[in-house]
Amino acid sequence: MPSGKGSKLLRYIEHRLRVTLADSRVITGTFLAFDKHLNLVLSDSEEFRTIRGGGDSRSNIVEEKLERRNLGLIILRGENVVSLAVEAPPSAGRMSGVPGGPGVAVGAGRGTAGLPPPTAMGGGGAAPVGLGAAPVHGVGGPGGGVMGTVAGGPPAVMQMGRGMQPPSY
C-alpha cells in the first residue's frame, strides 16, 4: 500500500470531519471524497462561524456570536483548507452494515419480473421475452405500407431495418 497522503485520507472516508478554513470558518460534514489538490466533498455539512461584535468601547468587552447554517452537499477547495479533525466514525445507519467493495452488477431487465438473475460467470437465466426471441412486429422497421408486395412476388422495396426479418424466397 502506498504511503502518500491519499492513502492516509482514504481511511477517513465516511467519517464525520471538522474542517477549519483559512477565513476561520469551521465546517463539519461526512467526508465522501477528495483529490490530489485536497479538494474535499462533504455531505450533510454545517458551517459554524464566529462573529465578533463591537461591544462597549469603555469596558473593552467584545461580544462573540456563533452562527450556524446547514449547507448540505458541498465541495471545499483544498487551497482554503487549514486543518482536518475527525469528529466521529462512520455511522452505521446510512449503509446499514453493507461492506464496501466493487459490488455485483445485475441487469434491471425490461419488465421481466420473476426471471432468475444471470449467474456470476455470465451464463444462466432465461432470455427475456422480446430480447432473445424473434423481433417484435412494428418496432424498428419502416412503416406498414413501405414493405408491400407486388402481385405475389418479392417485396417491392428491399429495405431492412432493426427488428425486421430477412425476406424468404
N, C-alpha and C. Protein backbone atom coordinates (compact mmCIF):
# COMPACT_ATOMS: atom_id res chain seq x y z
N MET A 1 0.85 -1.19 0.00
CA MET A 1 0.00 0.00 0.00
C MET A 1 0.88 1.24 0.00
N PRO A 2 0.61 2.21 -0.88
CA PRO A 2 1.42 3.41 -0.91
C PRO A 2 1.26 4.21 0.38
N SER A 3 2.28 4.97 0.71
CA SER A 3 2.23 5.71 1.96
C SER A 3 2.04 7.20 1.73
N GLY A 4 1.42 7.59 0.62
CA GLY A 4 1.18 9.00 0.33
C GLY A 4 0.03 9.55 1.16
N LYS A 5 -0.22 10.85 0.98
CA LYS A 5 -1.31 11.48 1.73
C LYS A 5 -2.66 10.89 1.34
N GLY A 6 -2.79 10.47 0.08
CA GLY A 6 -4.05 9.90 -0.38
C GLY A 6 -4.43 8.66 0.41
N SER A 7 -3.46 7.79 0.66
CA SER A 7 -3.79 6.56 1.38
C SER A 7 -4.14 6.84 2.83
N LYS A 8 -3.58 7.90 3.40
CA LYS A 8 -3.92 8.24 4.78
C LYS A 8 -5.34 8.82 4.86
N LEU A 9 -5.71 9.60 3.87
CA LEU A 9 -7.06 10.18 3.88
C LEU A 9 -8.12 9.14 3.57
N LEU A 10 -7.77 8.12 2.80
CA LEU A 10 -8.75 7.11 2.42
C LEU A 10 -9.38 6.42 3.62
N ARG A 11 -8.62 6.29 4.69
CA ARG A 11 -9.17 5.58 5.86
C ARG A 11 -10.23 6.41 6.59
N TYR A 12 -10.37 7.68 6.23
CA TYR A 12 -11.37 8.53 6.89
C TYR A 12 -12.61 8.78 6.03
N ILE A 13 -12.72 8.11 4.90
CA ILE A 13 -13.92 8.24 4.08
C ILE A 13 -15.13 7.78 4.90
N GLU A 14 -16.21 8.53 4.81
CA GLU A 14 -17.47 8.34 5.53
C GLU A 14 -17.38 8.63 7.02
N HIS A 15 -16.26 9.17 7.49
CA HIS A 15 -16.17 9.66 8.86
C HIS A 15 -16.74 11.07 8.90
N ARG A 16 -17.11 11.49 10.07
CA ARG A 16 -17.55 12.88 10.27
C ARG A 16 -16.31 13.71 10.55
N LEU A 17 -16.04 14.74 9.72
CA LEU A 17 -14.85 15.57 9.85
C LEU A 17 -15.19 17.00 10.24
N ARG A 18 -14.23 17.64 10.91
CA ARG A 18 -14.30 19.07 11.18
C ARG A 18 -13.17 19.72 10.38
N VAL A 19 -13.53 20.61 9.47
CA VAL A 19 -12.56 21.25 8.59
C VAL A 19 -12.49 22.73 8.95
N THR A 20 -11.27 23.21 9.24
CA THR A 20 -11.07 24.63 9.51
C THR A 20 -10.55 25.29 8.24
N LEU A 21 -11.17 26.39 7.85
CA LEU A 21 -10.81 27.08 6.62
C LEU A 21 -9.94 28.30 6.92
N ALA A 22 -9.31 28.84 5.88
CA ALA A 22 -8.39 29.97 6.03
C ALA A 22 -9.07 31.22 6.58
N ASP A 23 -10.36 31.38 6.36
CA ASP A 23 -11.07 32.55 6.88
C ASP A 23 -11.70 32.30 8.24
N SER A 24 -11.21 31.28 8.94
CA SER A 24 -11.58 30.89 10.32
C SER A 24 -12.98 30.28 10.44
N ARG A 25 -13.63 29.97 9.33
CA ARG A 25 -14.87 29.23 9.41
C ARG A 25 -14.57 27.78 9.72
N VAL A 26 -15.50 27.10 10.36
CA VAL A 26 -15.37 25.68 10.64
C VAL A 26 -16.55 24.98 9.99
N ILE A 27 -16.26 23.94 9.21
CA ILE A 27 -17.31 23.19 8.53
C ILE A 27 -17.22 21.74 8.97
N THR A 28 -18.35 21.19 9.38
CA THR A 28 -18.40 19.77 9.73
C THR A 28 -19.28 19.07 8.73
N GLY A 29 -18.90 17.83 8.41
CA GLY A 29 -19.70 17.07 7.46
C GLY A 29 -19.14 15.67 7.29
N THR A 30 -19.88 14.84 6.57
CA THR A 30 -19.45 13.47 6.29
C THR A 30 -18.53 13.49 5.08
N PHE A 31 -17.33 12.98 5.26
CA PHE A 31 -16.28 13.02 4.24
C PHE A 31 -16.56 11.96 3.19
N LEU A 32 -16.79 12.39 1.94
CA LEU A 32 -17.12 11.46 0.86
C LEU A 32 -15.98 11.22 -0.11
N ALA A 33 -15.23 12.28 -0.48
CA ALA A 33 -14.20 12.11 -1.50
C ALA A 33 -13.19 13.25 -1.41
N PHE A 34 -12.04 13.04 -2.10
CA PHE A 34 -11.00 14.06 -2.18
C PHE A 34 -10.21 13.83 -3.47
N ASP A 35 -9.35 14.78 -3.80
CA ASP A 35 -8.48 14.61 -4.96
C ASP A 35 -7.07 15.05 -4.60
N LYS A 36 -6.20 15.11 -5.62
CA LYS A 36 -4.79 15.41 -5.36
C LYS A 36 -4.57 16.84 -4.87
N HIS A 37 -5.52 17.74 -5.07
CA HIS A 37 -5.40 19.11 -4.61
C HIS A 37 -5.97 19.30 -3.21
N LEU A 38 -6.42 18.22 -2.59
CA LEU A 38 -7.09 18.22 -1.29
C LEU A 38 -8.45 18.93 -1.36
N ASN A 39 -9.06 18.98 -2.53
CA ASN A 39 -10.46 19.40 -2.61
C ASN A 39 -11.26 18.32 -1.92
N LEU A 40 -12.21 18.70 -1.08
CA LEU A 40 -12.97 17.76 -0.28
C LEU A 40 -14.44 17.80 -0.66
N VAL A 41 -15.08 16.66 -0.65
CA VAL A 41 -16.53 16.59 -0.84
C VAL A 41 -17.12 16.14 0.49
N LEU A 42 -18.03 16.96 1.03
CA LEU A 42 -18.68 16.67 2.30
C LEU A 42 -20.19 16.66 2.10
N SER A 43 -20.85 15.71 2.76
CA SER A 43 -22.31 15.70 2.72
C SER A 43 -22.83 16.02 4.12
N ASP A 44 -24.09 16.40 4.20
CA ASP A 44 -24.72 16.76 5.48
C ASP A 44 -23.86 17.76 6.25
N SER A 45 -23.35 18.75 5.56
CA SER A 45 -22.40 19.66 6.18
C SER A 45 -23.09 20.87 6.81
N GLU A 46 -22.40 21.40 7.82
CA GLU A 46 -22.85 22.60 8.52
C GLU A 46 -21.67 23.55 8.65
N GLU A 47 -21.96 24.83 8.56
CA GLU A 47 -20.93 25.86 8.69
C GLU A 47 -21.11 26.56 10.03
N PHE A 48 -20.00 26.75 10.73
CA PHE A 48 -20.00 27.49 12.00
C PHE A 48 -19.03 28.64 11.85
N ARG A 49 -19.48 29.84 12.18
CA ARG A 49 -18.56 30.97 12.15
C ARG A 49 -18.82 31.88 13.33
N THR A 50 -17.77 32.44 13.81
CA THR A 50 -17.84 33.32 14.97
C THR A 50 -17.82 34.76 14.49
N ILE A 51 -18.82 35.50 14.92
CA ILE A 51 -18.91 36.91 14.55
C ILE A 51 -18.60 37.73 15.79
N ARG A 52 -17.60 38.56 15.67
CA ARG A 52 -17.21 39.41 16.78
C ARG A 52 -17.91 40.76 16.63
N GLY A 53 -18.74 41.06 17.59
CA GLY A 53 -19.47 42.32 17.57
C GLY A 53 -18.75 43.37 18.39
N GLY A 54 -18.97 44.60 18.05
CA GLY A 54 -18.35 45.69 18.80
C GLY A 54 -19.10 45.88 20.12
N GLY A 55 -18.45 45.65 21.17
CA GLY A 55 -19.07 45.81 22.49
C GLY A 55 -18.95 47.25 22.96
N ASP A 56 -18.93 47.41 24.24
CA ASP A 56 -18.80 48.73 24.85
C ASP A 56 -17.34 49.17 24.75
N SER A 57 -17.10 50.32 24.19
CA SER A 57 -15.72 50.78 23.99
C SER A 57 -15.04 51.12 25.31
N ARG A 58 -15.80 51.46 26.35
CA ARG A 58 -15.19 51.83 27.63
C ARG A 58 -14.74 50.61 28.41
N SER A 59 -15.45 49.48 28.27
CA SER A 59 -15.13 48.31 29.10
C SER A 59 -14.30 47.26 28.35
N ASN A 60 -13.96 47.51 27.09
CA ASN A 60 -13.17 46.59 26.27
C ASN A 60 -13.78 45.18 26.21
N ILE A 61 -15.08 45.10 26.23
CA ILE A 61 -15.77 43.81 26.12
C ILE A 61 -16.17 43.61 24.66
N VAL A 62 -15.81 42.44 24.13
CA VAL A 62 -16.16 42.12 22.75
C VAL A 62 -17.18 41.00 22.77
N GLU A 63 -18.29 41.20 22.09
CA GLU A 63 -19.32 40.17 22.02
C GLU A 63 -19.00 39.21 20.89
N GLU A 64 -19.10 37.91 21.16
CA GLU A 64 -18.91 36.89 20.13
C GLU A 64 -20.20 36.12 19.97
N LYS A 65 -20.58 35.93 18.72
CA LYS A 65 -21.81 35.21 18.43
C LYS A 65 -21.48 34.09 17.46
N LEU A 66 -21.93 32.88 17.76
CA LEU A 66 -21.67 31.73 16.90
C LEU A 66 -22.87 31.53 15.98
N GLU A 67 -22.63 31.66 14.67
CA GLU A 67 -23.68 31.43 13.69
C GLU A 67 -23.52 30.05 13.08
N ARG A 68 -24.63 29.38 12.88
CA ARG A 68 -24.62 28.03 12.31
C ARG A 68 -25.60 28.01 11.14
N ARG A 69 -25.17 27.37 10.04
CA ARG A 69 -26.12 27.19 8.94
C ARG A 69 -25.85 25.87 8.24
N ASN A 70 -26.92 25.24 7.77
CA ASN A 70 -26.83 23.97 7.07
C ASN A 70 -26.45 24.23 5.61
N LEU A 71 -25.48 23.45 5.11
CA LEU A 71 -25.03 23.60 3.73
C LEU A 71 -25.39 22.41 2.86
N GLY A 72 -25.48 21.21 3.44
CA GLY A 72 -25.80 20.03 2.65
C GLY A 72 -24.56 19.45 1.99
N LEU A 73 -24.65 19.13 0.70
CA LEU A 73 -23.54 18.56 -0.06
C LEU A 73 -22.69 19.68 -0.64
N ILE A 74 -21.39 19.69 -0.31
CA ILE A 74 -20.52 20.77 -0.75
C ILE A 74 -19.17 20.23 -1.22
N ILE A 75 -18.47 21.05 -1.98
CA ILE A 75 -17.08 20.80 -2.35
C ILE A 75 -16.26 21.95 -1.78
N LEU A 76 -15.26 21.61 -0.98
CA LEU A 76 -14.36 22.61 -0.41
C LEU A 76 -13.07 22.64 -1.23
N ARG A 77 -12.67 23.81 -1.62
CA ARG A 77 -11.43 23.94 -2.38
C ARG A 77 -10.25 23.70 -1.44
N GLY A 78 -9.34 22.84 -1.84
CA GLY A 78 -8.22 22.46 -0.99
C GLY A 78 -7.32 23.62 -0.61
N GLU A 79 -7.27 24.64 -1.44
CA GLU A 79 -6.47 25.82 -1.17
C GLU A 79 -6.89 26.52 0.12
N ASN A 80 -8.17 26.39 0.50
CA ASN A 80 -8.70 27.08 1.67
C ASN A 80 -8.65 26.24 2.95
N VAL A 81 -8.31 24.95 2.83
CA VAL A 81 -8.33 24.06 4.00
C VAL A 81 -7.07 24.29 4.82
N VAL A 82 -7.27 24.56 6.12
CA VAL A 82 -6.16 24.76 7.04
C VAL A 82 -5.91 23.49 7.84
N SER A 83 -6.99 22.89 8.37
CA SER A 83 -6.81 21.67 9.16
C SER A 83 -8.04 20.77 9.06
N LEU A 84 -7.80 19.49 9.33
CA LEU A 84 -8.86 18.48 9.36
C LEU A 84 -8.82 17.79 10.72
N ALA A 85 -9.97 17.49 11.26
CA ALA A 85 -10.06 16.73 12.51
C ALA A 85 -11.23 15.77 12.41
N VAL A 86 -11.04 14.56 12.91
CA VAL A 86 -12.10 13.56 12.88
C VAL A 86 -13.01 13.79 14.08
N GLU A 87 -14.30 13.93 13.82
CA GLU A 87 -15.26 14.11 14.90
C GLU A 87 -15.89 12.80 15.32
N ALA A 88 -16.22 11.93 14.35
CA ALA A 88 -16.93 10.69 14.67
C ALA A 88 -16.65 9.65 13.60
N PRO A 89 -16.71 8.37 13.97
CA PRO A 89 -16.55 7.30 12.97
C PRO A 89 -17.78 7.23 12.08
N PRO A 90 -17.71 6.42 11.01
CA PRO A 90 -18.87 6.31 10.11
C PRO A 90 -20.10 5.83 10.87
N SER A 91 -21.24 6.40 10.52
CA SER A 91 -22.49 5.97 11.16
C SER A 91 -22.99 4.70 10.48
N ALA A 92 -23.51 3.78 11.27
CA ALA A 92 -23.99 2.51 10.73
C ALA A 92 -25.36 2.66 10.09
N GLY A 93 -26.05 3.76 10.30
CA GLY A 93 -27.40 3.92 9.79
C GLY A 93 -27.49 4.05 8.29
N ARG A 94 -26.54 4.77 7.68
CA ARG A 94 -26.66 5.05 6.26
C ARG A 94 -26.45 3.82 5.39
N MET A 95 -25.39 3.09 5.63
CA MET A 95 -25.09 1.93 4.81
C MET A 95 -25.61 0.64 5.43
N SER A 96 -26.10 0.70 6.62
CA SER A 96 -26.69 -0.43 7.35
C SER A 96 -25.84 -1.69 7.30
N GLY A 97 -24.55 -1.52 7.53
CA GLY A 97 -23.67 -2.66 7.68
C GLY A 97 -23.25 -3.34 6.39
N VAL A 98 -23.51 -2.76 5.25
CA VAL A 98 -23.12 -3.36 3.98
C VAL A 98 -21.64 -3.08 3.77
N PRO A 99 -20.82 -4.10 3.58
CA PRO A 99 -19.40 -3.85 3.39
C PRO A 99 -19.13 -3.16 2.07
N GLY A 100 -18.07 -2.35 2.02
CA GLY A 100 -17.71 -1.66 0.80
C GLY A 100 -17.04 -2.61 -0.18
N GLY A 101 -16.93 -2.19 -1.39
CA GLY A 101 -16.26 -3.01 -2.39
C GLY A 101 -16.85 -2.78 -3.76
N PRO A 102 -16.41 -3.55 -4.75
CA PRO A 102 -16.86 -3.30 -6.11
C PRO A 102 -18.33 -3.64 -6.34
N GLY A 103 -18.92 -4.52 -5.55
CA GLY A 103 -20.32 -4.85 -5.69
C GLY A 103 -20.58 -5.87 -6.78
N VAL A 104 -21.84 -6.14 -7.03
CA VAL A 104 -22.25 -7.12 -8.02
C VAL A 104 -23.23 -6.44 -8.95
N ALA A 105 -23.00 -6.55 -10.25
CA ALA A 105 -23.90 -5.95 -11.22
C ALA A 105 -24.96 -6.95 -11.63
N VAL A 106 -26.21 -6.54 -11.58
CA VAL A 106 -27.32 -7.38 -12.01
C VAL A 106 -28.17 -6.53 -12.94
N GLY A 107 -28.50 -7.06 -14.11
CA GLY A 107 -29.31 -6.32 -15.07
C GLY A 107 -30.69 -6.01 -14.52
N ALA A 108 -31.20 -4.84 -14.87
CA ALA A 108 -32.50 -4.44 -14.38
C ALA A 108 -33.62 -5.09 -15.18
N GLY A 109 -33.35 -5.43 -16.43
CA GLY A 109 -34.37 -6.08 -17.24
C GLY A 109 -35.36 -5.09 -17.81
N ARG A 110 -36.28 -5.60 -18.61
CA ARG A 110 -37.32 -4.76 -19.21
C ARG A 110 -38.67 -5.35 -18.88
N GLY A 111 -39.09 -5.18 -17.68
CA GLY A 111 -40.40 -5.70 -17.30
C GLY A 111 -40.43 -7.21 -17.26
N THR A 112 -39.33 -7.81 -16.86
CA THR A 112 -39.25 -9.27 -16.84
C THR A 112 -39.21 -9.76 -15.40
N ALA A 113 -40.17 -9.38 -14.62
CA ALA A 113 -40.20 -9.81 -13.23
C ALA A 113 -40.34 -11.32 -13.15
N GLY A 114 -39.65 -11.90 -12.21
CA GLY A 114 -39.78 -13.33 -12.00
C GLY A 114 -38.69 -14.15 -12.67
N LEU A 115 -37.88 -13.55 -13.52
CA LEU A 115 -36.79 -14.30 -14.14
C LEU A 115 -35.63 -14.38 -13.17
N PRO A 116 -34.93 -15.50 -13.16
CA PRO A 116 -33.77 -15.59 -12.27
C PRO A 116 -32.65 -14.70 -12.79
N PRO A 117 -31.85 -14.10 -11.87
CA PRO A 117 -30.76 -13.26 -12.33
C PRO A 117 -29.68 -14.10 -12.98
N PRO A 118 -28.91 -13.51 -13.90
CA PRO A 118 -27.83 -14.28 -14.52
C PRO A 118 -26.77 -14.65 -13.49
N THR A 119 -26.07 -15.74 -13.76
CA THR A 119 -25.04 -16.17 -12.82
C THR A 119 -23.84 -15.27 -12.93
N ALA A 120 -22.93 -15.37 -11.97
CA ALA A 120 -21.75 -14.51 -11.94
C ALA A 120 -20.80 -14.82 -13.08
N MET A 121 -20.87 -16.00 -13.67
CA MET A 121 -19.95 -16.35 -14.75
C MET A 121 -20.50 -15.96 -16.13
N GLY A 122 -21.56 -15.22 -16.18
CA GLY A 122 -22.04 -14.69 -17.44
C GLY A 122 -23.14 -15.51 -18.09
N GLY A 123 -23.39 -16.71 -17.68
CA GLY A 123 -24.44 -17.51 -18.30
C GLY A 123 -25.68 -17.52 -17.44
N GLY A 124 -26.50 -18.52 -17.66
CA GLY A 124 -27.66 -18.72 -16.80
C GLY A 124 -28.76 -17.73 -17.07
N GLY A 125 -29.89 -17.97 -16.49
CA GLY A 125 -31.02 -17.09 -16.66
C GLY A 125 -31.62 -17.22 -18.05
N ALA A 126 -32.91 -17.13 -18.13
CA ALA A 126 -33.58 -17.22 -19.42
C ALA A 126 -33.54 -15.88 -20.11
N ALA A 127 -33.50 -15.89 -21.45
CA ALA A 127 -33.52 -14.65 -22.20
C ALA A 127 -34.89 -14.01 -22.05
N PRO A 128 -34.95 -12.72 -21.76
CA PRO A 128 -36.24 -12.05 -21.61
C PRO A 128 -37.02 -12.10 -22.92
N VAL A 129 -38.33 -12.17 -22.81
CA VAL A 129 -39.18 -12.22 -23.98
C VAL A 129 -39.02 -10.91 -24.74
N GLY A 130 -38.80 -11.02 -26.05
CA GLY A 130 -38.64 -9.83 -26.87
C GLY A 130 -37.19 -9.44 -27.08
N LEU A 131 -36.28 -9.94 -26.25
CA LEU A 131 -34.88 -9.60 -26.43
C LEU A 131 -34.11 -10.72 -27.10
N GLY A 132 -34.40 -11.97 -26.74
CA GLY A 132 -33.67 -13.07 -27.32
C GLY A 132 -34.51 -13.84 -28.32
N ALA A 133 -35.77 -13.50 -28.41
CA ALA A 133 -36.68 -14.19 -29.31
C ALA A 133 -36.77 -13.42 -30.62
N ALA A 134 -37.80 -13.70 -31.41
CA ALA A 134 -38.00 -13.04 -32.70
C ALA A 134 -38.28 -11.56 -32.50
N PRO A 135 -38.03 -10.76 -33.54
CA PRO A 135 -38.30 -9.32 -33.43
C PRO A 135 -39.79 -9.05 -33.21
N VAL A 136 -40.05 -7.94 -32.59
CA VAL A 136 -41.42 -7.54 -32.29
C VAL A 136 -41.98 -6.82 -33.51
N HIS A 137 -43.20 -7.13 -33.90
CA HIS A 137 -43.83 -6.54 -35.08
C HIS A 137 -43.99 -5.03 -34.90
N GLY A 138 -43.56 -4.28 -35.91
CA GLY A 138 -43.76 -2.83 -35.91
C GLY A 138 -42.69 -2.05 -35.19
N VAL A 139 -41.63 -2.69 -34.68
CA VAL A 139 -40.59 -1.98 -33.95
C VAL A 139 -39.33 -1.93 -34.80
N GLY A 140 -38.85 -0.77 -35.11
CA GLY A 140 -37.56 -0.60 -35.76
C GLY A 140 -37.57 -0.68 -37.27
N GLY A 141 -38.65 -0.92 -37.89
CA GLY A 141 -38.67 -1.03 -39.35
C GLY A 141 -39.42 0.12 -39.98
N PRO A 142 -39.53 0.10 -41.31
CA PRO A 142 -40.30 1.14 -41.99
C PRO A 142 -41.79 0.97 -41.73
N GLY A 143 -42.56 1.95 -42.11
CA GLY A 143 -44.00 1.92 -41.89
C GLY A 143 -44.68 0.77 -42.60
N GLY A 144 -45.95 0.55 -42.30
CA GLY A 144 -46.68 -0.60 -42.81
C GLY A 144 -46.79 -0.65 -44.32
N GLY A 145 -46.94 0.48 -45.04
CA GLY A 145 -47.14 0.46 -46.48
C GLY A 145 -45.85 0.35 -47.28
N VAL A 146 -44.71 0.51 -46.68
CA VAL A 146 -43.46 0.53 -47.42
C VAL A 146 -43.06 -0.86 -47.87
N MET A 147 -43.31 -1.87 -47.11
CA MET A 147 -42.87 -3.23 -47.42
C MET A 147 -43.95 -4.03 -48.14
N GLY A 148 -44.70 -3.40 -48.97
CA GLY A 148 -45.76 -4.10 -49.68
C GLY A 148 -45.20 -5.05 -50.74
N THR A 149 -45.99 -5.99 -51.15
CA THR A 149 -45.56 -6.92 -52.20
C THR A 149 -46.29 -6.59 -53.49
N VAL A 150 -45.71 -6.98 -54.60
CA VAL A 150 -46.32 -6.73 -55.91
C VAL A 150 -46.79 -8.06 -56.47
N ALA A 151 -48.06 -8.26 -56.54
CA ALA A 151 -48.71 -9.42 -57.18
C ALA A 151 -48.05 -10.74 -56.79
N GLY A 152 -47.85 -10.96 -55.49
CA GLY A 152 -47.34 -12.25 -55.03
C GLY A 152 -45.86 -12.44 -55.21
N GLY A 153 -45.13 -11.45 -55.73
CA GLY A 153 -43.70 -11.56 -55.94
C GLY A 153 -42.92 -11.13 -54.71
N PRO A 154 -41.63 -10.87 -54.90
CA PRO A 154 -40.82 -10.39 -53.78
C PRO A 154 -41.28 -9.00 -53.35
N PRO A 155 -40.89 -8.56 -52.17
CA PRO A 155 -41.29 -7.23 -51.72
C PRO A 155 -40.80 -6.16 -52.69
N ALA A 156 -41.63 -5.12 -52.86
CA ALA A 156 -41.30 -4.06 -53.80
C ALA A 156 -40.08 -3.26 -53.33
N VAL A 157 -39.96 -3.02 -52.04
CA VAL A 157 -38.83 -2.28 -51.50
C VAL A 157 -38.06 -3.22 -50.61
N MET A 158 -36.78 -3.40 -50.87
CA MET A 158 -35.98 -4.36 -50.12
C MET A 158 -35.22 -3.66 -48.99
N GLN A 159 -35.91 -2.85 -48.20
CA GLN A 159 -35.26 -2.21 -47.07
C GLN A 159 -35.39 -3.11 -45.86
N MET A 160 -34.33 -3.15 -45.09
CA MET A 160 -34.39 -3.93 -43.85
C MET A 160 -33.96 -3.02 -42.72
N GLY A 161 -34.74 -3.00 -41.67
CA GLY A 161 -34.40 -2.19 -40.51
C GLY A 161 -34.25 -3.07 -39.30
N ARG A 162 -34.00 -2.45 -38.19
CA ARG A 162 -33.89 -3.19 -36.94
C ARG A 162 -35.20 -3.86 -36.61
N GLY A 163 -35.16 -5.11 -36.28
CA GLY A 163 -36.35 -5.82 -35.89
C GLY A 163 -37.10 -6.46 -37.05
N MET A 164 -36.64 -6.26 -38.26
CA MET A 164 -37.31 -6.84 -39.41
C MET A 164 -36.65 -8.16 -39.76
N GLN A 165 -37.47 -9.11 -40.12
CA GLN A 165 -36.92 -10.41 -40.55
C GLN A 165 -36.49 -10.33 -42.00
N PRO A 166 -35.41 -11.02 -42.35
CA PRO A 166 -35.00 -11.00 -43.76
C PRO A 166 -36.04 -11.69 -44.62
N PRO A 167 -36.16 -11.22 -45.85
CA PRO A 167 -37.16 -11.85 -46.73
C PRO A 167 -36.77 -13.30 -47.05
N SER A 168 -37.77 -14.14 -47.16
CA SER A 168 -37.51 -15.53 -47.51
C SER A 168 -38.02 -15.76 -48.93
N TYR A 169 -37.20 -16.32 -49.78
CA TYR A 169 -37.57 -16.54 -51.18
C TYR A 169 -37.79 -18.00 -51.43
